[in-house]
PDB file of all heavy atoms in Angstrom:
ATOM      1  N   GLN A   1      13.962 -16.983  -9.270  1.00  0.00           N
ATOM      2  CA  GLN A   1      14.632 -16.418  -8.112  1.00  0.00           C
ATOM      3  C   GLN A   1      14.813 -14.908  -8.236  1.00  0.00           C
ATOM      4  O   GLN A   1      14.761 -14.182  -7.242  1.00  0.00           O
ATOM      5  CB  GLN A   1      15.979 -17.102  -7.907  1.00  0.00           C
ATOM      6  CG  GLN A   1      15.844 -18.550  -7.447  1.00  0.00           C
ATOM      7  CD  GLN A   1      17.137 -19.095  -6.888  1.00  0.00           C
ATOM      8  OE1 GLN A   1      18.226 -18.630  -7.232  1.00  0.00           O
ATOM      9  NE2 GLN A   1      17.023 -20.095  -6.028  1.00  0.00           N
ATOM     10  N   LEU A   2      15.009 -14.419  -9.457  1.00  0.00           N
ATOM     11  CA  LEU A   2      15.094 -12.973  -9.649  1.00  0.00           C
ATOM     12  C   LEU A   2      13.756 -12.318  -9.326  1.00  0.00           C
ATOM     13  O   LEU A   2      13.702 -11.229  -8.742  1.00  0.00           O
ATOM     14  CB  LEU A   2      15.516 -12.648 -11.082  1.00  0.00           C
ATOM     15  CG  LEU A   2      15.838 -11.176 -11.367  1.00  0.00           C
ATOM     16  CD1 LEU A   2      16.940 -10.674 -10.448  1.00  0.00           C
ATOM     17  CD2 LEU A   2      16.235 -10.976 -12.818  1.00  0.00           C
ATOM     18  N   LEU A   3      12.663 -12.991  -9.670  1.00  0.00           N
ATOM     19  CA  LEU A   3      11.336 -12.497  -9.290  1.00  0.00           C
ATOM     20  C   LEU A   3      11.217 -12.425  -7.774  1.00  0.00           C
ATOM     21  O   LEU A   3      10.678 -11.455  -7.225  1.00  0.00           O
ATOM     22  CB  LEU A   3      10.259 -13.415  -9.863  1.00  0.00           C
ATOM     23  CG  LEU A   3       8.811 -13.139  -9.416  1.00  0.00           C
ATOM     24  CD1 LEU A   3       8.378 -11.738  -9.845  1.00  0.00           C
ATOM     25  CD2 LEU A   3       7.872 -14.186  -9.969  1.00  0.00           C
ATOM     26  N   GLY A   4      11.727 -13.460  -7.084  1.00  0.00           N
ATOM     27  CA  GLY A   4      11.689 -13.451  -5.631  1.00  0.00           C
ATOM     28  C   GLY A   4      12.457 -12.268  -5.046  1.00  0.00           C
ATOM     29  O   GLY A   4      12.002 -11.641  -4.079  1.00  0.00           O
ATOM     30  N   ALA A   5      13.615 -11.951  -5.633  1.00  0.00           N
ATOM     31  CA  ALA A   5      14.400 -10.810  -5.161  1.00  0.00           C
ATOM     32  C   ALA A   5      13.634  -9.503  -5.357  1.00  0.00           C
ATOM     33  O   ALA A   5      13.649  -8.621  -4.486  1.00  0.00           O
ATOM     34  CB  ALA A   5      15.737 -10.757  -5.888  1.00  0.00           C
ATOM     35  N   HIS A   6      12.946  -9.380  -6.476  1.00  0.00           N
ATOM     36  CA  HIS A   6      12.162  -8.170  -6.740  1.00  0.00           C
ATOM     37  C   HIS A   6      11.001  -8.051  -5.756  1.00  0.00           C
ATOM     38  O   HIS A   6      10.694  -6.961  -5.249  1.00  0.00           O
ATOM     39  CB  HIS A   6      11.637  -8.189  -8.177  1.00  0.00           C
ATOM     40  CG  HIS A   6      12.646  -7.752  -9.190  1.00  0.00           C
ATOM     41  ND1 HIS A   6      13.769  -8.474  -9.488  1.00  0.00           N
ATOM     42  CD2 HIS A   6      12.711  -6.646  -9.977  1.00  0.00           C
ATOM     43  CE1 HIS A   6      14.476  -7.848 -10.405  1.00  0.00           C
ATOM     44  NE2 HIS A   6      13.855  -6.735 -10.717  1.00  0.00           N
ATOM     45  N   ILE A   7      10.312  -9.151  -5.496  1.00  0.00           N
ATOM     46  CA  ILE A   7       9.187  -9.117  -4.558  1.00  0.00           C
ATOM     47  C   ILE A   7       9.667  -8.776  -3.151  1.00  0.00           C
ATOM     48  O   ILE A   7       9.043  -7.982  -2.432  1.00  0.00           O
ATOM     49  CB  ILE A   7       8.444 -10.468  -4.572  1.00  0.00           C
ATOM     50  CG1 ILE A   7       7.801 -10.703  -5.942  1.00  0.00           C
ATOM     51  CG2 ILE A   7       7.372 -10.514  -3.483  1.00  0.00           C
ATOM     52  CD1 ILE A   7       7.158 -12.061  -6.091  1.00  0.00           C
ATOM     53  N   ALA A   8      10.789  -9.374  -2.743  1.00  0.00           N
ATOM     54  CA  ALA A   8      11.345  -9.066  -1.425  1.00  0.00           C
ATOM     55  C   ALA A   8      11.742  -7.598  -1.336  1.00  0.00           C
ATOM     56  O   ALA A   8      11.566  -6.955  -0.288  1.00  0.00           O
ATOM     57  CB  ALA A   8      12.544  -9.959  -1.151  1.00  0.00           C
ATOM     58  N   HIS A   9      12.278  -7.044  -2.422  1.00  0.00           N
ATOM     59  CA  HIS A   9      12.639  -5.626  -2.446  1.00  0.00           C
ATOM     60  C   HIS A   9      11.399  -4.763  -2.280  1.00  0.00           C
ATOM     61  O   HIS A   9      11.411  -3.768  -1.535  1.00  0.00           O
ATOM     62  CB  HIS A   9      13.340  -5.295  -3.765  1.00  0.00           C
ATOM     63  CG  HIS A   9      13.833  -3.889  -3.847  1.00  0.00           C
ATOM     64  ND1 HIS A   9      13.807  -3.156  -5.007  1.00  0.00           N
ATOM     65  CD2 HIS A   9      14.349  -3.070  -2.911  1.00  0.00           C
ATOM     66  CE1 HIS A   9      14.275  -1.938  -4.786  1.00  0.00           C
ATOM     67  NE2 HIS A   9      14.623  -1.858  -3.523  1.00  0.00           N
ATOM     68  N   ALA A  10      10.309  -5.133  -2.939  1.00  0.00           N
ATOM     69  CA  ALA A  10       9.053  -4.398  -2.764  1.00  0.00           C
ATOM     70  C   ALA A  10       8.583  -4.481  -1.318  1.00  0.00           C
ATOM     71  O   ALA A  10       8.038  -3.515  -0.766  1.00  0.00           O
ATOM     72  CB  ALA A  10       7.982  -4.964  -3.704  1.00  0.00           C
ATOM     73  N   GLY A  11       8.790  -5.643  -0.684  1.00  0.00           N
ATOM     74  CA  GLY A  11       8.434  -5.790   0.722  1.00  0.00           C
ATOM     75  C   GLY A  11       9.236  -4.853   1.613  1.00  0.00           C
ATOM     76  O   GLY A  11       8.704  -4.270   2.567  1.00  0.00           O
ATOM     77  N   LEU A  12      10.533  -4.675   1.323  1.00  0.00           N
ATOM     78  CA  LEU A  12      11.362  -3.748   2.095  1.00  0.00           C
ATOM     79  C   LEU A  12      10.857  -2.309   1.947  1.00  0.00           C
ATOM     80  O   LEU A  12      10.831  -1.538   2.915  1.00  0.00           O
ATOM     81  CB  LEU A  12      12.813  -3.835   1.635  1.00  0.00           C
ATOM     82  CG  LEU A  12      13.587  -5.089   2.049  1.00  0.00           C
ATOM     83  CD1 LEU A  12      14.967  -5.093   1.395  1.00  0.00           C
ATOM     84  CD2 LEU A  12      13.724  -5.157   3.566  1.00  0.00           C
ATOM     85  N   ILE A  13      10.457  -1.950   0.729  1.00  0.00           N
ATOM     86  CA  ILE A  13       9.926  -0.602   0.501  1.00  0.00           C
ATOM     87  C   ILE A  13       8.635  -0.404   1.293  1.00  0.00           C
ATOM     88  O   ILE A  13       8.426   0.638   1.942  1.00  0.00           O
ATOM     89  CB  ILE A  13       9.688  -0.376  -0.998  1.00  0.00           C
ATOM     90  CG1 ILE A  13      11.012  -0.405  -1.760  1.00  0.00           C
ATOM     91  CG2 ILE A  13       8.986   0.959  -1.236  1.00  0.00           C
ATOM     92  CD1 ILE A  13      10.853  -0.376  -3.265  1.00  0.00           C
ATOM     93  N   MET A  14       7.771  -1.399   1.266  1.00  0.00           N
ATOM     94  CA  MET A  14       6.520  -1.337   2.033  1.00  0.00           C
ATOM     95  C   MET A  14       6.805  -1.223   3.529  1.00  0.00           C
ATOM     96  O   MET A  14       6.138  -0.471   4.249  1.00  0.00           O
ATOM     97  CB  MET A  14       5.679  -2.576   1.753  1.00  0.00           C
ATOM     98  CG  MET A  14       4.906  -2.529   0.451  1.00  0.00           C
ATOM     99  SD  MET A  14       3.483  -1.419   0.595  1.00  0.00           S
ATOM    100  CE  MET A  14       2.686  -1.768  -0.975  1.00  0.00           C
ATOM    101  N   PHE A  15       7.794  -1.992   3.998  1.00  0.00           N
ATOM    102  CA  PHE A  15       8.123  -1.958   5.422  1.00  0.00           C
ATOM    103  C   PHE A  15       8.628  -0.578   5.820  1.00  0.00           C
ATOM    104  O   PHE A  15       8.259  -0.037   6.874  1.00  0.00           O
ATOM    105  CB  PHE A  15       9.182  -3.016   5.743  1.00  0.00           C
ATOM    106  CG  PHE A  15       9.550  -3.059   7.201  1.00  0.00           C
ATOM    107  CD1 PHE A  15       8.753  -3.740   8.107  1.00  0.00           C
ATOM    108  CD2 PHE A  15      10.694  -2.405   7.658  1.00  0.00           C
ATOM    109  CE1 PHE A  15       9.088  -3.772   9.457  1.00  0.00           C
ATOM    110  CE2 PHE A  15      11.027  -2.430   9.004  1.00  0.00           C
ATOM    111  CZ  PHE A  15      10.223  -3.114   9.904  1.00  0.00           C
ATOM    112  N   TRP A  16       9.490   0.004   4.974  1.00  0.00           N
ATOM    113  CA  TRP A  16       9.975   1.353   5.259  1.00  0.00           C
ATOM    114  C   TRP A  16       8.815   2.339   5.332  1.00  0.00           C
ATOM    115  O   TRP A  16       8.699   3.122   6.290  1.00  0.00           O
ATOM    116  CB  TRP A  16      10.965   1.801   4.179  1.00  0.00           C
ATOM    117  CG  TRP A  16      11.396   3.233   4.355  1.00  0.00           C
ATOM    118  CD1 TRP A  16      12.414   3.693   5.113  1.00  0.00           C
ATOM    119  CD2 TRP A  16      10.781   4.383   3.752  1.00  0.00           C
ATOM    120  NE1 TRP A  16      12.485   5.066   5.044  1.00  0.00           N
ATOM    121  CE2 TRP A  16      11.498   5.514   4.227  1.00  0.00           C
ATOM    122  CE3 TRP A  16       9.710   4.571   2.886  1.00  0.00           C
ATOM    123  CZ2 TRP A  16      11.165   6.812   3.834  1.00  0.00           C
ATOM    124  CZ3 TRP A  16       9.382   5.874   2.505  1.00  0.00           C
ATOM    125  CH2 TRP A  16      10.109   6.968   2.973  1.00  0.00           C
ATOM    126  N   ALA A  17       7.934   2.318   4.327  1.00  0.00           N
ATOM    127  CA  ALA A  17       6.813   3.260   4.290  1.00  0.00           C
ATOM    128  C   ALA A  17       5.909   3.085   5.509  1.00  0.00           C
ATOM    129  O   ALA A  17       5.490   4.067   6.142  1.00  0.00           O
ATOM    130  CB  ALA A  17       6.012   3.071   2.999  1.00  0.00           C
ATOM    131  N   GLY A  18       5.592   1.823   5.854  1.00  0.00           N
ATOM    132  CA  GLY A  18       4.709   1.576   6.983  1.00  0.00           C
ATOM    133  C   GLY A  18       5.325   1.969   8.308  1.00  0.00           C
ATOM    134  O   GLY A  18       4.688   2.650   9.134  1.00  0.00           O
ATOM    135  N   SER A  19       6.568   1.568   8.536  1.00  0.00           N
ATOM    136  CA  SER A  19       7.207   1.839   9.827  1.00  0.00           C
ATOM    137  C   SER A  19       7.455   3.332  10.028  1.00  0.00           C
ATOM    138  O   SER A  19       7.233   3.866  11.124  1.00  0.00           O
ATOM    139  CB  SER A  19       8.527   1.059   9.940  1.00  0.00           C
ATOM    140  OG  SER A  19       9.422   1.411   8.899  1.00  0.00           O
ATOM    141  N   ILE A  20       7.895   4.040   8.985  1.00  0.00           N
ATOM    142  CA  ILE A  20       8.150   5.475   9.119  1.00  0.00           C
ATOM    143  C   ILE A  20       6.846   6.242   9.288  1.00  0.00           C
ATOM    144  O   ILE A  20       6.769   7.203  10.069  1.00  0.00           O
ATOM    145  CB  ILE A  20       8.942   6.011   7.921  1.00  0.00           C
ATOM    146  CG1 ILE A  20      10.303   5.312   7.825  1.00  0.00           C
ATOM    147  CG2 ILE A  20       9.134   7.517   8.024  1.00  0.00           C
ATOM    148  CD1 ILE A  20      11.179   5.504   9.041  1.00  0.00           C
ATOM    149  N   THR A  21       5.786   5.819   8.595  1.00  0.00           N
ATOM    150  CA  THR A  21       4.484   6.483   8.755  1.00  0.00           C
ATOM    151  C   THR A  21       3.988   6.341  10.184  1.00  0.00           C
ATOM    152  O   THR A  21       3.520   7.314  10.798  1.00  0.00           O
ATOM    153  CB  THR A  21       3.455   5.888   7.783  1.00  0.00           C
ATOM    154  OG1 THR A  21       3.872   6.117   6.441  1.00  0.00           O
ATOM    155  CG2 THR A  21       2.080   6.519   7.990  1.00  0.00           C
ATOM    156  N   ILE A  22       4.081   5.142  10.739  1.00  0.00           N
ATOM    157  CA  ILE A  22       3.646   4.921  12.121  1.00  0.00           C
ATOM    158  C   ILE A  22       4.504   5.735  13.087  1.00  0.00           C
ATOM    159  O   ILE A  22       3.992   6.363  14.025  1.00  0.00           O
ATOM    160  CB  ILE A  22       3.698   3.423  12.466  1.00  0.00           C
ATOM    161  CG1 ILE A  22       2.629   2.671  11.676  1.00  0.00           C
ATOM    162  CG2 ILE A  22       3.506   3.195  13.965  1.00  0.00           C
ATOM    163  CD1 ILE A  22       2.701   1.175  11.814  1.00  0.00           C
ATOM    164  N   SER A  23       5.818   5.735  12.856  1.00  0.00           N
ATOM    165  CA  SER A  23       6.709   6.507  13.718  1.00  0.00           C
ATOM    166  C   SER A  23       6.369   7.988  13.694  1.00  0.00           C
ATOM    167  O   SER A  23       6.302   8.655  14.739  1.00  0.00           O
ATOM    168  CB  SER A  23       8.162   6.288  13.280  1.00  0.00           C
ATOM    169  OG  SER A  23       9.046   7.110  14.009  1.00  0.00           O
ATOM    170  N   GLN A  24       6.121   8.523  12.502  1.00  0.00           N
ATOM    171  CA  GLN A  24       5.779   9.939  12.402  1.00  0.00           C
ATOM    172  C   GLN A  24       4.431  10.234  13.047  1.00  0.00           C
ATOM    173  O   GLN A  24       4.261  11.268  13.708  1.00  0.00           O
ATOM    174  CB  GLN A  24       5.771  10.368  10.935  1.00  0.00           C
ATOM    175  CG  GLN A  24       7.149  10.402  10.299  1.00  0.00           C
ATOM    176  CD  GLN A  24       7.128  10.938   8.879  1.00  0.00           C
ATOM    177  OE1 GLN A  24       6.077  11.304   8.345  1.00  0.00           O
ATOM    178  NE2 GLN A  24       8.300  10.984   8.253  1.00  0.00           N
ATOM    179  N   ALA A  25       3.460   9.327  12.874  1.00  0.00           N
ATOM    180  CA  ALA A  25       2.148   9.532  13.479  1.00  0.00           C
ATOM    181  C   ALA A  25       2.240   9.532  15.005  1.00  0.00           C
ATOM    182  O   ALA A  25       1.610  10.358  15.683  1.00  0.00           O
ATOM    183  CB  ALA A  25       1.181   8.451  13.006  1.00  0.00           C
ATOM    184  N   LEU A  26       3.030   8.628  15.554  1.00  0.00           N
ATOM    185  CA  LEU A  26       3.152   8.527  17.013  1.00  0.00           C
ATOM    186  C   LEU A  26       3.952   9.692  17.595  1.00  0.00           C
ATOM    187  O   LEU A  26       3.775  10.036  18.774  1.00  0.00           O
ATOM    188  CB  LEU A  26       3.820   7.199  17.385  1.00  0.00           C
ATOM    189  CG  LEU A  26       3.013   5.936  17.079  1.00  0.00           C
ATOM    190  CD1 LEU A  26       3.803   4.693  17.448  1.00  0.00           C
ATOM    191  CD2 LEU A  26       1.679   5.956  17.817  1.00  0.00           C
ATOM    192  N   ASN A  27       4.829  10.295  16.789  1.00  0.00           N
ATOM    193  CA  ASN A  27       5.653  11.406  17.277  1.00  0.00           C
ATOM    194  C   ASN A  27       5.061  12.772  16.950  1.00  0.00           C
ATOM    195  O   ASN A  27       5.679  13.802  17.270  1.00  0.00           O
ATOM    196  CB  ASN A  27       7.067  11.310  16.692  1.00  0.00           C
ATOM    197  CG  ASN A  27       7.892  10.216  17.344  1.00  0.00           C
ATOM    198  OD1 ASN A  27       8.396  10.363  18.446  1.00  0.00           O
ATOM    199  ND2 ASN A  27       8.020   9.086  16.658  1.00  0.00           N
ATOM    200  N   TYR A  28       3.892  12.807  16.360  1.00  0.00           N
ATOM    201  CA  TYR A  28       3.266  14.077  16.032  1.00  0.00           C
ATOM    202  C   TYR A  28       2.904  14.831  17.310  1.00  0.00           C
ATOM    203  O   TYR A  28       2.331  14.277  18.255  1.00  0.00           O
ATOM    204  CB  TYR A  28       2.012  13.846  15.184  1.00  0.00           C
ATOM    205  CG  TYR A  28       1.154  15.079  15.027  1.00  0.00           C
ATOM    206  CD1 TYR A  28       1.615  16.172  14.305  1.00  0.00           C
ATOM    207  CD2 TYR A  28      -0.112  15.154  15.621  1.00  0.00           C
ATOM    208  CE1 TYR A  28       0.844  17.307  14.170  1.00  0.00           C
ATOM    209  CE2 TYR A  28      -0.896  16.283  15.478  1.00  0.00           C
ATOM    210  CZ  TYR A  28      -0.414  17.357  14.757  1.00  0.00           C
ATOM    211  OH  TYR A  28      -1.173  18.486  14.630  1.00  0.00           O
ATOM    212  N   ASP A  29       3.265  16.093  17.350  1.00  0.00           N
ATOM    213  CA  ASP A  29       3.007  16.942  18.512  1.00  0.00           C
ATOM    214  C   ASP A  29       2.136  18.123  18.089  1.00  0.00           C
ATOM    215  O   ASP A  29       2.614  19.015  17.373  1.00  0.00           O
ATOM    216  CB  ASP A  29       4.323  17.444  19.101  1.00  0.00           C
ATOM    217  CG  ASP A  29       4.138  18.185  20.416  1.00  0.00           C
ATOM    218  OD1 ASP A  29       2.990  18.551  20.733  1.00  0.00           O
ATOM    219  OD2 ASP A  29       5.149  18.389  21.122  1.00  0.00           O
ATOM    220  N   PRO A  30       0.857  18.154  18.505  1.00  0.00           N
ATOM    221  CA  PRO A  30      -0.044  19.233  18.059  1.00  0.00           C
ATOM    222  C   PRO A  30       0.314  20.596  18.629  1.00  0.00           C
ATOM    223  O   PRO A  30      -0.247  21.611  18.188  1.00  0.00           O
ATOM    224  CB  PRO A  30      -1.406  18.760  18.569  1.00  0.00           C
ATOM    225  CG  PRO A  30      -1.101  17.843  19.717  1.00  0.00           C
ATOM    226  CD  PRO A  30       0.189  17.175  19.364  1.00  0.00           C
ATOM    227  N   THR A  31       1.254  20.653  19.569  1.00  0.00           N
ATOM    228  CA  THR A  31       1.625  21.950  20.138  1.00  0.00           C
ATOM    229  C   THR A  31       2.677  22.670  19.295  1.00  0.00           C
ATOM    230  O   THR A  31       2.987  23.832  19.568  1.00  0.00           O
ATOM    231  CB  THR A  31       2.164  21.772  21.577  1.00  0.00           C
ATOM    232  OG1 THR A  31       3.355  20.976  21.535  1.00  0.00           O
ATOM    233  CG2 THR A  31       1.122  21.090  22.449  1.00  0.00           C
ATOM    234  N   PHE A  32       3.215  21.991  18.290  1.00  0.00           N
ATOM    235  CA  PHE A  32       4.203  22.599  17.396  1.00  0.00           C
ATOM    236  C   PHE A  32       3.612  22.708  15.989  1.00  0.00           C
ATOM    237  O   PHE A  32       2.768  21.896  15.598  1.00  0.00           O
ATOM    238  CB  PHE A  32       5.484  21.764  17.348  1.00  0.00           C
ATOM    239  CG  PHE A  32       6.330  21.876  18.581  1.00  0.00           C
ATOM    240  CD1 PHE A  32       6.133  21.027  19.650  1.00  0.00           C
ATOM    241  CD2 PHE A  32       7.317  22.852  18.670  1.00  0.00           C
ATOM    242  CE1 PHE A  32       6.907  21.130  20.801  1.00  0.00           C
ATOM    243  CE2 PHE A  32       8.103  22.965  19.811  1.00  0.00           C
ATOM    244  CZ  PHE A  32       7.892  22.105  20.879  1.00  0.00           C
ATOM    245  N   PRO A  33       4.034  23.696  15.203  1.00  0.00           N
ATOM    246  CA  PRO A  33       3.548  23.811  13.815  1.00  0.00           C
ATOM    247  C   PRO A  33       3.833  22.533  13.031  1.00  0.00           C
ATOM    248  O   PRO A  33       4.921  21.963  13.131  1.00  0.00           O
ATOM    249  CB  PRO A  33       4.338  25.002  13.255  1.00  0.00           C
ATOM    250  CG  PRO A  33       4.703  25.809  14.454  1.00  0.00           C
ATOM    251  CD  PRO A  33       4.938  24.815  15.556  1.00  0.00           C
ATOM    252  N   PHE A  34       2.849  22.106  12.271  1.00  0.00           N
ATOM    253  CA  PHE A  34       2.977  20.848  11.520  1.00  0.00           C
ATOM    254  C   PHE A  34       4.159  20.882  10.559  1.00  0.00           C
ATOM    255  O   PHE A  34       4.893  19.898  10.437  1.00  0.00           O
ATOM    256  CB  PHE A  34       1.669  20.591  10.743  1.00  0.00           C
ATOM    257  CG  PHE A  34       1.654  19.294   9.998  1.00  0.00           C
ATOM    258  CD1 PHE A  34       1.255  18.125  10.620  1.00  0.00           C
ATOM    259  CD2 PHE A  34       2.045  19.214   8.663  1.00  0.00           C
ATOM    260  CE1 PHE A  34       1.241  16.916   9.948  1.00  0.00           C
ATOM    261  CE2 PHE A  34       2.038  18.023   7.980  1.00  0.00           C
ATOM    262  CZ  PHE A  34       1.628  16.865   8.632  1.00  0.00           C
ATOM    263  N   ASP A  35       4.360  22.005   9.896  1.00  0.00           N
ATOM    264  CA  ASP A  35       5.396  22.061   8.860  1.00  0.00           C
ATOM    265  C   ASP A  35       6.816  22.107   9.432  1.00  0.00           C
ATOM    266  O   ASP A  35       7.792  22.057   8.670  1.00  0.00           O
ATOM    267  CB  ASP A  35       5.176  23.261   7.938  1.00  0.00           C
ATOM    268  CG  ASP A  35       5.199  24.591   8.687  1.00  0.00           C
ATOM    269  OD1 ASP A  35       5.243  24.560   9.939  1.00  0.00           O
ATOM    270  OD2 ASP A  35       5.176  25.645   8.031  1.00  0.00           O
ATOM    271  N   GLU A  36       6.965  22.194  10.765  1.00  0.00           N
ATOM    272  CA  GLU A  36       8.285  22.213  11.378  1.00  0.00           C
ATOM    273  C   GLU A  36       8.683  20.872  11.982  1.00  0.00           C
ATOM    274  O   GLU A  36       9.748  20.752  12.593  1.00  0.00           O
ATOM    275  CB  GLU A  36       8.342  23.296  12.466  1.00  0.00           C
ATOM    276  CG  GLU A  36       8.180  24.716  11.934  1.00  0.00           C
ATOM    277  CD  GLU A  36       8.242  25.752  13.039  1.00  0.00           C
ATOM    278  OE1 GLU A  36       8.520  25.366  14.202  1.00  0.00           O
ATOM    279  OE2 GLU A  36       7.999  26.941  12.742  1.00  0.00           O
ATOM    280  N   GLN A  37       7.810  19.859  11.826  1.00  0.00           N
ATOM    281  CA  GLN A  37       8.062  18.583  12.478  1.00  0.00           C
ATOM    282  C   GLN A  37       8.649  17.521  11.553  1.00  0.00           C
ATOM    283  O   GLN A  37       8.933  16.402  11.989  1.00  0.00           O
ATOM    284  CB  GLN A  37       6.767  18.048  13.113  1.00  0.00           C
ATOM    285  CG  GLN A  37       6.202  18.966  14.178  1.00  0.00           C
ATOM    286  CD  GLN A  37       5.035  18.355  14.919  1.00  0.00           C
ATOM    287  OE1 GLN A  37       5.092  17.218  15.393  1.00  0.00           O
ATOM    288  NE2 GLN A  37       3.937  19.104  14.992  1.00  0.00           N
ATOM    289  N   GLY A  38       8.840  17.844  10.281  1.00  0.00           N
ATOM    290  CA  GLY A  38       9.467  16.895   9.352  1.00  0.00           C
ATOM    291  C   GLY A  38       8.638  15.649   9.101  1.00  0.00           C
ATOM    292  O   GLY A  38       9.204  14.574   8.890  1.00  0.00           O
ATOM    293  N   LEU A  39       7.325  15.784   9.107  1.00  0.00           N
ATOM    294  CA  LEU A  39       6.434  14.628   8.943  1.00  0.00           C
ATOM    295  C   LEU A  39       6.097  14.445   7.474  1.00  0.00           C
ATOM    296  O   LEU A  39       4.947  14.619   7.050  1.00  0.00           O
ATOM    297  CB  LEU A  39       5.166  14.811   9.782  1.00  0.00           C
ATOM    298  CG  LEU A  39       5.391  15.115  11.269  1.00  0.00           C
ATOM    299  CD1 LEU A  39       4.068  15.326  11.985  1.00  0.00           C
ATOM    300  CD2 LEU A  39       6.180  13.989  11.929  1.00  0.00           C
TER     301      LEU A  39
END
């Protein structure tokens, strides 16, 4: 069960990385400097 908790935790990390990456990609605005958009 401790292994299950660790695997689920890795899944949460993956979900965060995937969802935030998609959010940043969809909110990218080429009319503003890239380094000012917090991507």
